[in-house]
Amino acid sequence: MTAPSPGAGGAPAPLQAVYEGWRGVSEPVEGADLRVLSLGAGVQSTTLALMAAHGEIGPMPDAAIFADTGWEPRAVYEHLDWLSGGNVLPFPIVRVQGVNLRDQVIDRATRSHGRFITIPYFLQRGGMGRRQCTGEAKIEPIHQAVRALLGVPKGARATRYRVEQWIGISRDEIVRMKAARVPWITHRWPLIERRMTRRDCLAWLARHVYPEPPRSACIGCPYHRDDYWRRLQREDPDAFADAVAVDRAMRAGGPIRGMRQLEYMHRSCRPLDQVDFRSEAERGQLSFLDECDGLCGT
């Protein structure tokens, strides 16, 4: 299946060149030894799994793999439990964990030895730290789970196999499309093939009377926008309190191990519990440009 060309009403103009660069690369792998769905339990990957269950996308995956970072909001784990039970999906969900990211941050802040991975938190004098969390907590555990499903022993090569891995990236996130890190896995983006956006996914779920999935992201991720922090603070105060505690622990003994400057969870480089997450409108600073951006009624 070849991804259609985005004509009028297709991908936004700034993304069209990116889209064109990926045309035709997302399609089923002929004769695949294994098909897996990378399940984050958020809107897009949940829609992808349920569309497969309805027979709208195929061939059917052999399994979905959830790589647990150990630091997801409670709602994500509850949603995952729902997906895993009650005959919701016709294929199993495999849960794996490489590292616990919360423990990694605390251990790095309090111990002077041992292996650790880094999360790209904001640095006191500008910039962000090195990003290792995605590879160590998501990509590598999924690869290990794939090897286990194939029956490849630890240390043995998997290069003779052909694996198709579904990734739940929608059209509005097209810049996130990346090839697999290993040659025996081929990424496939069925939502891109169907030119579906996140809004389209939500509409599909609503039409089929499925619950809206929570946002799948680590509680202490530095890429959260203020609206996420505001919602977490309001709807999951325990999770927000945990983020505040970890953010504070990162600086309790000075710069964290391996760094020469203090790190912060929020881009303002202020302690999380001292950040004003209100929007400009809520702070009474609504400008004309904020009020009317030419998109009213669209």
C-alpha atoms as a PDB file:
ATOM      1  CA  MET A   1       0.000   0.000   0.000  1.00  0.00           C
ATOM      2  CA  THR A   2       1.424   3.333  -1.042  1.00  0.00           C
ATOM      3  CA  ALA A   3       0.708   6.459   0.974  1.00  0.00           C
ATOM      4  CA  PRO A   4      -1.477   8.845  -1.060  1.00  0.00           C
ATOM      5  CA  SER A   5      -0.177  12.201  -2.179  1.00  0.00           C
ATOM      6  CA  PRO A   6      -1.408  15.084   0.002  1.00  0.00           C
ATOM      7  CA  GLY A   7      -3.377  17.246  -2.346  1.00  0.00           C
ATOM      8  CA  ALA A   8      -5.672  20.070  -1.286  1.00  0.00           C
ATOM      9  CA  GLY A   9      -6.545  19.624   2.345  1.00  0.00           C
ATOM     10  CA  GLY A  10      -3.670  17.186   2.836  1.00  0.00           C
ATOM     11  CA  ALA A  11      -0.536  17.719   4.905  1.00  0.00           C
ATOM     12  CA  PRO A  12       0.098  21.352   5.952  1.00  0.00           C
ATOM     13  CA  ALA A  13       2.383  23.168   3.508  1.00  0.00           C
ATOM     14  CA  PRO A  14       5.486  23.176   5.794  1.00  0.00           C
ATOM     15  CA  LEU A  15       5.154  19.404   6.172  1.00  0.00           C
ATOM     16  CA  GLN A  16       4.402  18.535   2.563  1.00  0.00           C
ATOM     17  CA  ALA A  17       8.068  18.145   1.633  1.00  0.00           C
ATOM     18  CA  VAL A  18       8.534  15.798   4.590  1.00  0.00           C
ATOM     19  CA  TYR A  19       5.461  13.849   3.539  1.00  0.00           C
ATOM     20  CA  GLU A  20       6.662  13.563  -0.046  1.00  0.00           C
ATOM     21  CA  GLY A  21      10.008  12.267   1.206  1.00  0.00           C
ATOM     22  CA  TRP A  22       8.255   9.354   2.949  1.00  0.00           C
ATOM     23  CA  ARG A  23       5.732   8.500   0.222  1.00  0.00           C
ATOM     24  CA  GLY A  24       5.585   4.810  -0.554  1.00  0.00           C
ATOM     25  CA  VAL A  25       7.796   3.684   2.324  1.00  0.00           C
ATOM     26  CA  SER A  26       4.944   2.641   4.616  1.00  0.00           C
ATOM     27  CA  GLU A  27       3.440  -0.630   3.497  1.00  0.00           C
ATOM     28  CA  PRO A  28       3.150  -4.216   4.745  1.00  0.00           C
ATOM     29  CA  VAL A  29       6.352  -6.264   4.729  1.00  0.00           C
ATOM     30  CA  GLU A  30       5.914  -9.167   2.341  1.00  0.00           C
ATOM     31  CA  GLY A  31       6.484 -12.482   4.092  1.00  0.00           C
ATOM     32  CA  ALA A  32       7.182 -10.924   7.509  1.00  0.00           C
ATOM     33  CA  ASP A  33       8.193 -13.395  10.203  1.00  0.00           C
ATOM     34  CA  LEU A  34       6.567 -11.235  12.847  1.00  0.00           C
ATOM     35  CA  ARG A  35       4.296  -8.187  13.003  1.00  0.00           C
ATOM     36  CA  VAL A  36       4.195  -6.141  16.187  1.00  0.00           C
ATOM     37  CA  LEU A  37       2.480  -2.924  17.214  1.00  0.00           C
ATOM     38  CA  SER A  38       4.403  -0.472  19.375  1.00  0.00           C
ATOM     39  CA  LEU A  39       1.770   0.382  21.976  1.00  0.00           C
ATOM     40  CA  GLY A  40       2.150   3.501  24.083  1.00  0.00           C
ATOM     41  CA  ALA A  41      -1.524   3.296  25.196  1.00  0.00           C
ATOM     42  CA  GLY A  42      -2.182   6.849  24.041  1.00  0.00           C
ATOM     43  CA  VAL A  43      -4.667   8.065  21.428  1.00  0.00           C
ATOM     44  CA  GLN A  44      -2.840   7.090  18.229  1.00  0.00           C
ATOM     45  CA  SER A  45      -1.492   3.665  19.169  1.00  0.00           C
ATOM     46  CA  THR A  46      -4.794   2.714  20.826  1.00  0.00           C
ATOM     47  CA  THR A  47      -6.677   3.683  17.664  1.00  0.00           C
ATOM     48  CA  LEU A  48      -4.218   1.682  15.601  1.00  0.00           C
ATOM     49  CA  ALA A  49      -4.709  -1.411  17.762  1.00  0.00           C
ATOM     50  CA  LEU A  50      -8.495  -1.145  17.703  1.00  0.00           C
ATOM     51  CA  MET A  51      -8.609  -0.510  13.949  1.00  0.00           C
ATOM     52  CA  ALA A  52      -6.616  -3.717  13.516  1.00  0.00           C
ATOM     53  CA  ALA A  53      -9.092  -5.501  15.777  1.00  0.00           C
ATOM     54  CA  HIS A  54     -11.921  -4.257  13.537  1.00  0.00           C
ATOM     55  CA  GLY A  55     -10.138  -5.544  10.451  1.00  0.00           C
ATOM     56  CA  GLU A  56      -9.619  -2.036   9.054  1.00  0.00           C
ATOM     57  CA  ILE A  57      -5.819  -2.417   8.983  1.00  0.00           C
ATOM     58  CA  GLY A  58      -3.922  -5.553   8.181  1.00  0.00           C
ATOM     59  CA  PRO A  59      -2.353  -7.989   8.159  1.00  0.00           C
ATOM     60  CA  MET A  60      -3.195  -8.512  11.829  1.00  0.00           C
ATOM     61  CA  PRO A  61      -0.295  -7.940  14.262  1.00  0.00           C
ATOM     62  CA  ASP A  62       0.966 -10.955  16.165  1.00  0.00           C
ATOM     63  CA  ALA A  63       1.310  -8.878  19.327  1.00  0.00           C
ATOM     64  CA  ALA A  64       1.389  -5.368  20.732  1.00  0.00           C
ATOM     65  CA  ILE A  65       4.373  -4.388  22.876  1.00  0.00           C
ATOM     66  CA  PHE A  66       4.114  -1.872  25.717  1.00  0.00           C
ATOM     67  CA  ALA A  67       7.505  -0.645  26.960  1.00  0.00           C
ATOM     68  CA  ASP A  68       6.907   0.482  30.531  1.00  0.00           C
ATOM     69  CA  THR A  69       9.113   3.375  31.659  1.00  0.00           C
ATOM     70  CA  GLY A  70       7.888   2.930  35.227  1.00  0.00           C
ATOM     71  CA  TRP A  71       6.793   6.567  35.320  1.00  0.00           C
ATOM     72  CA  GLU A  72       3.509   6.731  33.405  1.00  0.00           C
ATOM     73  CA  PRO A  73       0.427   8.389  34.905  1.00  0.00           C
ATOM     74  CA  ARG A  74      -2.023   6.081  36.659  1.00  0.00           C
ATOM     75  CA  ALA A  75      -4.588   6.636  33.885  1.00  0.00           C
ATOM     76  CA  VAL A  76      -2.240   5.096  31.316  1.00  0.00           C
ATOM     77  CA  TYR A  77      -1.860   1.878  33.320  1.00  0.00           C
ATOM     78  CA  GLU A  78      -5.627   1.715  33.880  1.00  0.00           C
ATOM     79  CA  HIS A  79      -6.238   2.166  30.150  1.00  0.00           C
ATOM     80  CA  LEU A  80      -3.666  -0.514  29.368  1.00  0.00           C
ATOM     81  CA  ASP A  81      -5.453  -2.906  31.731  1.00  0.00           C
ATOM     82  CA  TRP A  82      -8.695  -2.241  29.841  1.00  0.00           C
ATOM     83  CA  LEU A  83      -7.036  -2.921  26.480  1.00  0.00           C
ATOM     84  CA  SER A  84      -5.514  -6.126  27.838  1.00  0.00           C
ATOM     85  CA  GLY A  85      -8.773  -7.635  29.078  1.00  0.00           C
ATOM     86  CA  GLY A  86     -12.342  -8.336  28.113  1.00  0.00           C
ATOM     87  CA  ASN A  87     -11.626  -9.564  24.584  1.00  0.00           C
ATOM     88  CA  VAL A  88     -10.876  -6.015  23.442  1.00  0.00           C
ATOM     89  CA  LEU A  89      -7.983  -7.053  21.190  1.00  0.00           C
ATOM     90  CA  PRO A  90      -7.530 -10.323  19.278  1.00  0.00           C
ATOM     91  CA  PHE A  91      -3.771 -10.307  19.880  1.00  0.00           C
ATOM     92  CA  PRO A  92      -1.779 -10.231  23.144  1.00  0.00           C
ATOM     93  CA  ILE A  93      -0.152  -7.213  24.754  1.00  0.00           C
ATOM     94  CA  VAL A  94       3.395  -7.912  25.894  1.00  0.00           C
ATOM     95  CA  ARG A  95       4.605  -5.649  28.697  1.00  0.00           C
ATOM     96  CA  VAL A  96       8.338  -5.122  29.038  1.00  0.00           C
ATOM     97  CA  GLN A  97      10.560  -2.825  31.072  1.00  0.00           C
ATOM     98  CA  GLY A  98      14.169  -1.950  30.446  1.00  0.00           C
ATOM     99  CA  VAL A  99      14.738   0.705  33.087  1.00  0.00           C
ATOM    100  CA  ASN A 100      12.600   2.609  35.571  1.00  0.00           C
ATOM    101  CA  LEU A 101      13.160   6.250  34.606  1.00  0.00           C
ATOM    102  CA  ARG A 102      12.002   7.669  37.920  1.00  0.00           C
ATOM    103  CA  ASP A 103      14.444   5.458  39.806  1.00  0.00           C
ATOM    104  CA  GLN A 104      17.164   6.454  37.355  1.00  0.00           C
ATOM    105  CA  VAL A 105      16.731  10.165  38.119  1.00  0.00           C
ATOM    106  CA  ILE A 106      16.723   9.597  41.878  1.00  0.00           C
ATOM    107  CA  ASP A 107      19.672   7.192  41.758  1.00  0.00           C
ATOM    108  CA  ARG A 108      21.709   9.572  39.639  1.00  0.00           C
ATOM    109  CA  ALA A 109      21.031  12.388  42.078  1.00  0.00           C
ATOM    110  CA  THR A 110      21.884  10.428  45.209  1.00  0.00           C
ATOM    111  CA  ARG A 111      24.577   7.907  44.228  1.00  0.00           C
ATOM    112  CA  SER A 112      28.155   8.526  43.220  1.00  0.00           C
ATOM    113  CA  HIS A 113      28.697   5.320  41.259  1.00  0.00           C
ATOM    114  CA  GLY A 114      26.929   2.828  39.021  1.00  0.00           C
ATOM    115  CA  ARG A 115      25.470   3.010  35.545  1.00  0.00           C
ATOM    116  CA  PHE A 116      22.812   5.618  34.790  1.00  0.00           C
ATOM    117  CA  ILE A 117      21.022   7.082  31.802  1.00  0.00           C
ATOM    118  CA  THR A 118      20.223  10.725  31.171  1.00  0.00           C
ATOM    119  CA  ILE A 119      16.982  12.580  30.488  1.00  0.00           C
ATOM    120  CA  PRO A 120      17.235  15.896  28.580  1.00  0.00           C
ATOM    121  CA  TYR A 121      16.315  18.218  31.438  1.00  0.00           C
ATOM    122  CA  PHE A 122      16.831  21.962  31.154  1.00  0.00           C
ATOM    123  CA  LEU A 123      20.229  23.289  32.202  1.00  0.00           C
ATOM    124  CA  GLN A 124      20.674  26.275  34.463  1.00  0.00           C
ATOM    125  CA  ARG A 125      22.765  28.227  31.930  1.00  0.00           C
ATOM    126  CA  GLY A 126      20.779  27.215  28.882  1.00  0.00           C
ATOM    127  CA  GLY A 127      20.267  24.184  26.688  1.00  0.00           C
ATOM    128  CA  MET A 128      19.215  20.660  27.583  1.00  0.00           C
ATOM    129  CA  GLY A 129      21.001  17.556  28.750  1.00  0.00           C
ATOM    130  CA  ARG A 130      21.700  14.458  26.697  1.00  0.00           C
ATOM    131  CA  ARG A 131      18.749  12.281  25.711  1.00  0.00           C
ATOM    132  CA  GLN A 132      19.147   8.573  26.399  1.00  0.00           C
ATOM    133  CA  CYS A 133      15.733   7.797  27.875  1.00  0.00           C
ATOM    134  CA  THR A 134      13.881   6.941  24.662  1.00  0.00           C
ATOM    135  CA  GLY A 135      16.483   4.441  23.508  1.00  0.00           C
ATOM    136  CA  GLU A 136      17.003   2.795  26.877  1.00  0.00           C
ATOM    137  CA  ALA A 137      13.411   2.764  28.134  1.00  0.00           C
ATOM    138  CA  LYS A 138      11.442   2.357  24.908  1.00  0.00           C
ATOM    139  CA  ILE A 139      13.356   1.277  21.806  1.00  0.00           C
ATOM    140  CA  GLU A 140      15.768  -1.267  23.267  1.00  0.00           C
ATOM    141  CA  PRO A 141      13.153  -3.065  25.459  1.00  0.00           C
ATOM    142  CA  ILE A 142      10.873  -3.368  22.412  1.00  0.00           C
ATOM    143  CA  HIS A 143      13.731  -4.856  20.388  1.00  0.00           C
ATOM    144  CA  GLN A 144      14.423  -7.339  23.178  1.00  0.00           C
ATOM    145  CA  ALA A 145      10.735  -8.290  23.281  1.00  0.00           C
ATOM    146  CA  VAL A 146      10.746  -8.814  19.513  1.00  0.00           C
ATOM    147  CA  ARG A 147      13.773 -11.096  19.802  1.00  0.00           C
ATOM    148  CA  ALA A 148      11.977 -13.068  22.534  1.00  0.00           C
ATOM    149  CA  LEU A 149       8.863 -13.434  20.369  1.00  0.00           C
ATOM    150  CA  LEU A 150      11.052 -14.703  17.519  1.00  0.00           C
ATOM    151  CA  GLY A 151      12.787 -17.143  19.847  1.00  0.00           C
ATOM    152  CA  VAL A 152      16.209 -15.591  19.289  1.00  0.00           C
ATOM    153  CA  PRO A 153      18.518 -16.375  22.250  1.00  0.00           C
ATOM    154  CA  LYS A 154      20.387 -13.568  23.958  1.00  0.00           C
ATOM    155  CA  GLY A 155      23.564 -12.785  22.060  1.00  0.00           C
ATOM    156  CA  ALA A 156      22.380 -14.504  18.854  1.00  0.00           C
ATOM    157  CA  ARG A 157      21.831 -12.568  15.630  1.00  0.00           C
ATOM    158  CA  ALA A 158      18.307 -11.820  14.413  1.00  0.00           C
ATOM    159  CA  THR A 159      19.327 -10.619  10.966  1.00  0.00           C
ATOM    160  CA  ARG A 160      17.759 -13.572   9.137  1.00  0.00           C
ATOM    161  CA  TYR A 161      14.286 -12.454  10.250  1.00  0.00           C
ATOM    162  CA  ARG A 162      11.980  -9.827   8.762  1.00  0.00           C
ATOM    163  CA  VAL A 163       9.903  -7.914  11.300  1.00  0.00           C
ATOM    164  CA  GLU A 164       7.199  -5.340  10.624  1.00  0.00           C
ATOM    165  CA  GLN A 165       6.734  -2.854  13.469  1.00  0.00           C
ATOM    166  CA  TRP A 166       3.671  -0.595  13.496  1.00  0.00           C
ATOM    167  CA  ILE A 167       4.218   2.897  14.887  1.00  0.00           C
ATOM    168  CA  GLY A 168       1.252   5.053  15.931  1.00  0.00           C
ATOM    169  CA  ILE A 169       2.343   8.344  14.379  1.00  0.00           C
ATOM    170  CA  SER A 170      -0.440  10.387  12.788  1.00  0.00           C
ATOM    171  CA  ARG A 171      -0.249  12.835   9.899  1.00  0.00           C
ATOM    172  CA  ASP A 172       0.119  15.859  12.180  1.00  0.00           C
ATOM    173  CA  GLU A 173       3.247  14.263  13.690  1.00  0.00           C
ATOM    174  CA  ILE A 174       4.836  13.271  10.407  1.00  0.00           C
ATOM    175  CA  VAL A 175       8.202  14.835  11.275  1.00  0.00           C
ATOM    176  CA  ARG A 176       8.622  12.099  13.908  1.00  0.00           C
ATOM    177  CA  MET A 177       8.821   9.327  11.299  1.00  0.00           C
ATOM    178  CA  LYS A 178      12.176   7.547  11.511  1.00  0.00           C
ATOM    179  CA  ALA A 179      13.550   4.314  10.155  1.00  0.00           C
ATOM    180  CA  ALA A 180      14.277   1.468  12.575  1.00  0.00           C
ATOM    181  CA  ARG A 181      17.706   1.358  14.205  1.00  0.00           C
ATOM    182  CA  VAL A 182      18.275  -2.262  13.185  1.00  0.00           C
ATOM    183  CA  PRO A 183      18.097  -3.587   9.603  1.00  0.00           C
ATOM    184  CA  TRP A 184      15.856  -6.580  10.364  1.00  0.00           C
ATOM    185  CA  ILE A 185      12.971  -4.387  11.592  1.00  0.00           C
ATOM    186  CA  THR A 186      10.926  -2.285   9.179  1.00  0.00           C
ATOM    187  CA  HIS A 187       8.759   0.489  10.558  1.00  0.00           C
ATOM    188  CA  ARG A 188       5.261   0.930   9.217  1.00  0.00           C
ATOM    189  CA  TRP A 189       2.923   3.879   9.887  1.00  0.00           C
ATOM    190  CA  PRO A 190      -0.667   2.814   9.055  1.00  0.00           C
ATOM    191  CA  LEU A 191      -2.170   6.105  10.268  1.00  0.00           C
ATOM    192  CA  ILE A 192       0.090   7.979   7.839  1.00  0.00           C
ATOM    193  CA  GLU A 193      -1.023   5.611   5.065  1.00  0.00           C
ATOM    194  CA  ARG A 194      -4.596   6.665   5.795  1.00  0.00           C
ATOM    195  CA  ARG A 195      -3.679  10.334   6.247  1.00  0.00           C
ATOM    196  CA  MET A 196      -5.258  10.293   9.718  1.00  0.00           C
ATOM    197  CA  THR A 197      -4.592  13.025  12.257  1.00  0.00           C
ATOM    198  CA  ARG A 198      -4.939  12.797  16.019  1.00  0.00           C
ATOM    199  CA  ARG A 199      -8.358  14.429  15.655  1.00  0.00           C
ATOM    200  CA  ASP A 200      -9.330  11.739  13.144  1.00  0.00           C
ATOM    201  CA  CYS A 201      -8.282   9.099  15.683  1.00  0.00           C
ATOM    202  CA  LEU A 202     -10.456  10.659  18.367  1.00  0.00           C
ATOM    203  CA  ALA A 203     -13.380  10.790  15.940  1.00  0.00           C
ATOM    204  CA  TRP A 204     -12.885   7.104  15.056  1.00  0.00           C
ATOM    205  CA  LEU A 205     -12.855   6.135  18.738  1.00  0.00           C
ATOM    206  CA  ALA A 206     -16.002   8.185  19.390  1.00  0.00           C
ATOM    207  CA  ARG A 207     -17.843   6.586  16.448  1.00  0.00           C
ATOM    208  CA  HIS A 208     -17.086   3.160  17.871  1.00  0.00           C
ATOM    209  CA  VAL A 209     -17.996   4.236  21.428  1.00  0.00           C
ATOM    210  CA  TYR A 210     -14.547   3.601  22.860  1.00  0.00           C
ATOM    211  CA  PRO A 211     -13.180   5.606  25.819  1.00  0.00           C
ATOM    212  CA  GLU A 212     -10.781   8.424  25.015  1.00  0.00           C
ATOM    213  CA  PRO A 213      -7.265   7.264  25.937  1.00  0.00           C
ATOM    214  CA  PRO A 214      -5.084   9.367  28.242  1.00  0.00           C
ATOM    215  CA  ARG A 215      -1.965  11.051  26.996  1.00  0.00           C
ATOM    216  CA  SER A 216       0.894   8.579  27.166  1.00  0.00           C
ATOM    217  CA  ALA A 217       4.052  10.254  28.435  1.00  0.00           C
ATOM    218  CA  CYS A 218       6.358   9.992  31.423  1.00  0.00           C
ATOM    219  CA  ILE A 219       5.234  12.077  34.376  1.00  0.00           C
ATOM    220  CA  GLY A 220       8.597  13.824  34.554  1.00  0.00           C
ATOM    221  CA  CYS A 221       9.174  14.371  30.832  1.00  0.00           C
ATOM    222  CA  PRO A 222      10.830  17.740  30.074  1.00  0.00           C
ATOM    223  CA  TYR A 223       8.894  18.088  26.813  1.00  0.00           C
ATOM    224  CA  HIS A 224       5.550  18.679  28.563  1.00  0.00           C
ATOM    225  CA  ARG A 225       3.838  21.927  27.720  1.00  0.00           C
ATOM    226  CA  ASP A 226       2.243  24.064  30.405  1.00  0.00           C
ATOM    227  CA  ASP A 227      -1.254  22.857  29.516  1.00  0.00           C
ATOM    228  CA  TYR A 228      -0.133  19.305  30.341  1.00  0.00           C
ATOM    229  CA  TRP A 229       1.353  20.357  33.674  1.00  0.00           C
ATOM    230  CA  ARG A 230      -1.797  22.354  34.445  1.00  0.00           C
ATOM    231  CA  ARG A 231      -4.013  19.372  33.654  1.00  0.00           C
ATOM    232  CA  LEU A 232      -1.804  17.000  35.674  1.00  0.00           C
ATOM    233  CA  GLN A 233      -1.855  19.380  38.633  1.00  0.00           C
ATOM    234  CA  ARG A 234      -5.652  19.538  38.495  1.00  0.00           C
ATOM    235  CA  GLU A 235      -6.587  15.968  37.552  1.00  0.00           C
ATOM    236  CA  ASP A 236      -3.805  13.846  39.089  1.00  0.00           C
ATOM    237  CA  PRO A 237      -2.403  15.725  42.098  1.00  0.00           C
ATOM    238  CA  ASP A 238      -0.507  12.654  43.311  1.00  0.00           C
ATOM    239  CA  ALA A 239       1.391  12.404  40.030  1.00  0.00           C
ATOM    240  CA  PHE A 240       2.094  16.133  40.059  1.00  0.00           C
ATOM    241  CA  ALA A 241       3.344  15.930  43.650  1.00  0.00           C
ATOM    242  CA  ASP A 242       5.657  13.098  42.595  1.00  0.00           C
ATOM    243  CA  ALA A 243       7.058  15.212  39.735  1.00  0.00           C
ATOM    244  CA  VAL A 244       7.630  18.097  42.173  1.00  0.00           C
ATOM    245  CA  ALA A 245       9.481  15.786  44.580  1.00  0.00           C
ATOM    246  CA  VAL A 246      11.729  14.345  41.855  1.00  0.00           C
ATOM    247  CA  ASP A 247      12.402  17.803  40.409  1.00  0.00           C
ATOM    248  CA  ARG A 248      13.482  18.994  43.851  1.00  0.00           C
ATOM    249  CA  ALA A 249      15.642  15.902  44.433  1.00  0.00           C
ATOM    250  CA  MET A 250      17.539  16.596  41.197  1.00  0.00           C
ATOM    251  CA  ARG A 251      19.122  19.685  42.815  1.00  0.00           C
ATOM    252  CA  ALA A 252      19.170  18.709  46.470  1.00  0.00           C
ATOM    253  CA  GLY A 253      22.904  17.957  46.506  1.00  0.00           C
ATOM    254  CA  GLY A 254      24.032  20.438  43.887  1.00  0.00           C
ATOM    255  CA  PRO A 255      24.545  19.538  40.205  1.00  0.00           C
ATOM    256  CA  ILE A 256      23.465  15.992  39.464  1.00  0.00           C
ATOM    257  CA  ARG A 257      26.207  13.425  38.824  1.00  0.00           C
ATOM    258  CA  GLY A 258      27.967  13.977  35.520  1.00  0.00           C
ATOM    259  CA  MET A 259      26.771  17.588  35.167  1.00  0.00           C
ATOM    260  CA  ARG A 260      28.366  20.936  36.013  1.00  0.00           C
ATOM    261  CA  GLN A 261      25.142  22.858  36.298  1.00  0.00           C
ATOM    262  CA  LEU A 262      21.760  22.401  37.915  1.00  0.00           C
ATOM    263  CA  GLU A 263      18.950  20.723  35.998  1.00  0.00           C
ATOM    264  CA  TYR A 264      15.252  21.549  35.983  1.00  0.00           C
ATOM    265  CA  MET A 265      12.180  19.680  34.791  1.00  0.00           C
ATOM    266  CA  HIS A 266      10.529  22.862  33.472  1.00  0.00           C
ATOM    267  CA  ARG A 267      11.912  25.038  30.664  1.00  0.00           C
ATOM    268  CA  SER A 268      11.715  28.141  32.903  1.00  0.00           C
ATOM    269  CA  CYS A 269      14.515  26.655  35.063  1.00  0.00           C
ATOM    270  CA  ARG A 270      12.419  27.208  38.154  1.00  0.00           C
ATOM    271  CA  PRO A 271      11.329  24.571  40.675  1.00  0.00           C
ATOM    272  CA  LEU A 272       8.201  22.892  39.357  1.00  0.00           C
ATOM    273  CA  ASP A 273       6.045  23.935  42.300  1.00  0.00           C
ATOM    274  CA  GLN A 274       6.966  27.591  41.695  1.00  0.00           C
ATOM    275  CA  VAL A 275       5.922  27.713  38.028  1.00  0.00           C
ATOM    276  CA  ASP A 276       2.740  29.542  37.009  1.00  0.00           C
ATOM    277  CA  PHE A 277       1.135  27.189  34.502  1.00  0.00           C
ATOM    278  CA  ARG A 278      -1.759  29.461  33.648  1.00  0.00           C
ATOM    279  CA  SER A 279      -2.150  30.549  30.054  1.00  0.00           C
ATOM    280  CA  GLU A 280      -1.703  34.194  29.087  1.00  0.00           C
ATOM    281  CA  ALA A 281      -5.478  34.480  28.814  1.00  0.00           C
ATOM    282  CA  GLU A 282      -5.909  33.166  32.367  1.00  0.00           C
ATOM    283  CA  ARG A 283      -3.332  35.700  33.561  1.00  0.00           C
ATOM    284  CA  GLY A 284      -5.261  38.500  31.825  1.00  0.00           C
ATOM    285  CA  GLN A 285      -2.622  38.979  29.111  1.00  0.00           C
ATOM    286  CA  LEU A 286      -4.692  38.020  26.060  1.00  0.00           C
ATOM    287  CA  SER A 287      -3.461  39.889  23.030  1.00  0.00           C
ATOM    288  CA  PHE A 288      -5.313  40.575  19.792  1.00  0.00           C
ATOM    289  CA  LEU A 289      -3.203  37.991  18.018  1.00  0.00           C
ATOM    290  CA  ASP A 290      -4.102  35.407  20.640  1.00  0.00           C
ATOM    291  CA  GLU A 291      -7.758  36.300  20.339  1.00  0.00           C
ATOM    292  CA  CYS A 292      -8.065  36.105  16.565  1.00  0.00           C
ATOM    293  CA  ASP A 293      -5.568  34.108  14.552  1.00  0.00           C
ATOM    294  CA  GLY A 294      -7.653  33.793  11.406  1.00  0.00           C
ATOM    295  CA  LEU A 295      -8.830  30.266  12.197  1.00  0.00           C
ATOM    296  CA  CYS A 296     -12.220  31.057  13.724  1.00  0.00           C
ATOM    297  CA  GLY A 297     -14.861  28.640  12.513  1.00  0.00           C
ATOM    298  CA  THR A 298     -12.431  26.183  10.881  1.00  0.00           C
END
